[in-house]
Amino acid sequence: KQPITDAMRQQFQEALMAKVQQLMDTGERFVFMQTFLKDDLRKEIHAKYSELQFMHVESDTALREKRYSERNEFNLGIDYLRKMSSFFEAPTIPYIIIKNNENGTEGLIKQLDQIFK
């Protein structure tokens, strides 16, 4: 495991912004998912693309940890998940909360249908 440096964060941020711009340029509706632990990146994206709708997906801690421990890909251990979760900064930009405490997609789809009628 390699510590994340500021240079790595900056490189990621530039690549992400380029991808968002690429998607915006298509003129099509799109969804992209990315965990933003730090609020500064959210604020930068929101400032440049204020028309984007941000969503915060929440799950109960025990359920999130159970799901993570059952993952076969990108599972770096429960201690890693807990450490990364401790770095999460609450959003200060406008956002929608989606609850993800049920198995399956039905509950998520219902919530999204309500939001994007």
Protein backbone atom coordinates (compact mmCIF):
# COMPACT_ATOMS: atom_id res chain seq x y z
CA LYS A 1 0.00 0.00 0.00
CA GLN A 2 1.33 3.37 -1.02
CA PRO A 3 0.35 6.60 0.74
CA ILE A 4 -1.66 9.03 -1.39
CA THR A 5 0.36 12.17 -2.04
CA ASP A 6 -0.84 15.66 -2.95
CA ALA A 7 0.67 15.18 -6.42
CA MET A 8 -1.37 11.99 -6.86
CA ARG A 9 -4.53 13.78 -5.73
CA GLN A 10 -3.87 16.61 -8.17
CA GLN A 11 -3.32 14.18 -11.05
CA PHE A 12 -6.55 12.36 -10.19
CA GLN A 13 -8.44 15.63 -9.92
CA GLU A 14 -7.23 16.80 -13.35
CA ALA A 15 -8.16 13.47 -14.96
CA LEU A 16 -11.59 13.54 -13.32
CA MET A 17 -12.30 17.08 -14.45
CA ALA A 18 -11.25 16.17 -18.00
CA LYS A 19 -13.64 13.19 -17.97
CA VAL A 20 -16.52 15.32 -16.66
CA GLN A 21 -15.85 17.86 -19.42
CA GLN A 22 -15.79 15.06 -22.01
CA LEU A 23 -19.15 13.80 -20.77
CA MET A 24 -20.60 17.33 -20.69
CA ASP A 25 -19.48 17.89 -24.28
CA THR A 26 -21.60 14.97 -25.52
CA GLY A 27 -24.80 16.86 -24.68
CA GLU A 28 -26.24 13.61 -23.35
CA ARG A 29 -27.46 12.96 -19.83
CA PHE A 30 -24.98 10.94 -17.83
CA VAL A 31 -24.21 9.57 -14.40
CA PHE A 32 -20.79 9.03 -12.96
CA MET A 33 -19.96 7.69 -9.55
CA GLN A 34 -16.98 8.63 -7.47
CA THR A 35 -16.28 8.73 -3.77
CA PHE A 36 -15.22 12.23 -2.81
CA LEU A 37 -13.74 12.12 0.67
CA LYS A 38 -12.61 15.73 0.58
CA ASP A 39 -15.04 18.59 0.18
CA ASP A 40 -12.57 20.75 -1.76
CA LEU A 41 -12.87 18.52 -4.84
CA ARG A 42 -16.68 18.59 -4.65
CA LYS A 43 -16.60 22.38 -4.41
CA GLU A 44 -14.25 22.68 -7.38
CA ILE A 45 -16.42 20.47 -9.57
CA HIS A 46 -19.58 22.24 -8.43
CA ALA A 47 -18.05 25.65 -9.17
CA LYS A 48 -17.12 24.61 -12.71
CA TYR A 49 -20.23 22.51 -13.42
CA SER A 50 -23.01 23.96 -11.28
CA GLU A 51 -25.64 22.17 -13.38
CA LEU A 52 -24.47 18.77 -12.10
CA GLN A 53 -26.59 17.13 -9.40
CA PHE A 54 -24.55 15.63 -6.58
CA MET A 55 -25.81 12.68 -4.58
CA HIS A 56 -24.59 11.33 -1.30
CA VAL A 57 -25.29 7.62 -0.88
CA GLU A 58 -25.61 6.61 2.77
CA SER A 59 -25.64 3.16 4.35
CA ASP A 60 -25.62 2.08 7.96
CA THR A 61 -22.03 1.52 9.07
CA ALA A 62 -22.48 -2.16 9.94
CA LEU A 63 -24.10 -2.88 6.58
CA ARG A 64 -21.45 -0.93 4.66
CA GLU A 65 -18.70 -2.86 6.45
CA LYS A 66 -20.44 -6.19 5.80
CA ARG A 67 -20.78 -5.40 2.09
CA TYR A 68 -17.17 -4.30 1.90
CA SER A 69 -15.89 -7.42 3.63
CA GLU A 70 -17.78 -9.56 1.07
CA ARG A 71 -16.19 -7.81 -1.92
CA ASN A 72 -13.82 -9.77 -4.11
CA GLU A 73 -12.33 -6.74 -5.87
CA PHE A 74 -10.60 -3.75 -4.30
CA ASN A 75 -10.99 -5.15 -0.80
CA LEU A 76 -8.14 -3.71 1.23
CA GLY A 77 -9.54 -4.86 4.57
CA ILE A 78 -12.00 -3.49 7.07
CA ASP A 79 -9.33 -1.42 8.87
CA TYR A 80 -8.63 0.39 5.58
CA LEU A 81 -12.35 1.06 5.07
CA ARG A 82 -12.65 2.47 8.57
CA LYS A 83 -9.57 4.64 8.14
CA MET A 84 -10.80 6.03 4.82
CA SER A 85 -14.28 6.62 6.27
CA SER A 86 -12.70 8.71 9.04
CA PHE A 87 -11.31 11.08 6.37
CA PHE A 88 -14.76 11.81 4.92
CA GLU A 89 -15.68 15.49 4.99
CA ALA A 90 -19.36 16.38 5.01
CA PRO A 91 -20.50 18.06 1.79
CA THR A 92 -21.05 21.81 1.84
CA ILE A 93 -22.44 21.99 -1.70
CA PRO A 94 -26.08 21.21 -2.58
CA TYR A 95 -26.71 17.46 -2.76
CA ILE A 96 -29.38 14.79 -2.55
CA ILE A 97 -29.21 11.96 -0.02
CA ILE A 98 -29.87 8.43 -1.23
CA LYS A 99 -30.32 5.71 1.40
CA ASN A 100 -28.79 2.35 0.52
CA ASN A 101 -29.77 0.12 3.44
CA GLU A 102 -31.61 -2.55 1.44
CA ASN A 103 -30.19 -5.37 -0.62
CA GLY A 104 -30.92 -5.18 -4.32
CA THR A 105 -31.67 -2.20 -6.49
CA GLU A 106 -35.42 -1.77 -6.01
CA GLY A 107 -35.17 0.74 -3.16
CA LEU A 108 -32.53 2.76 -4.96
CA ILE A 109 -34.55 2.86 -8.15
CA LYS A 110 -37.63 4.05 -6.26
CA GLN A 111 -35.65 6.88 -4.68
CA LEU A 112 -34.14 7.91 -8.00
CA ASP A 113 -37.55 7.79 -9.68
CA GLN A 114 -38.87 10.16 -6.99
CA ILE A 115 -35.99 12.57 -7.54
CA PHE A 116 -35.95 12.57 -11.34
CA LYS A 117 -39.67 12.45 -12.19
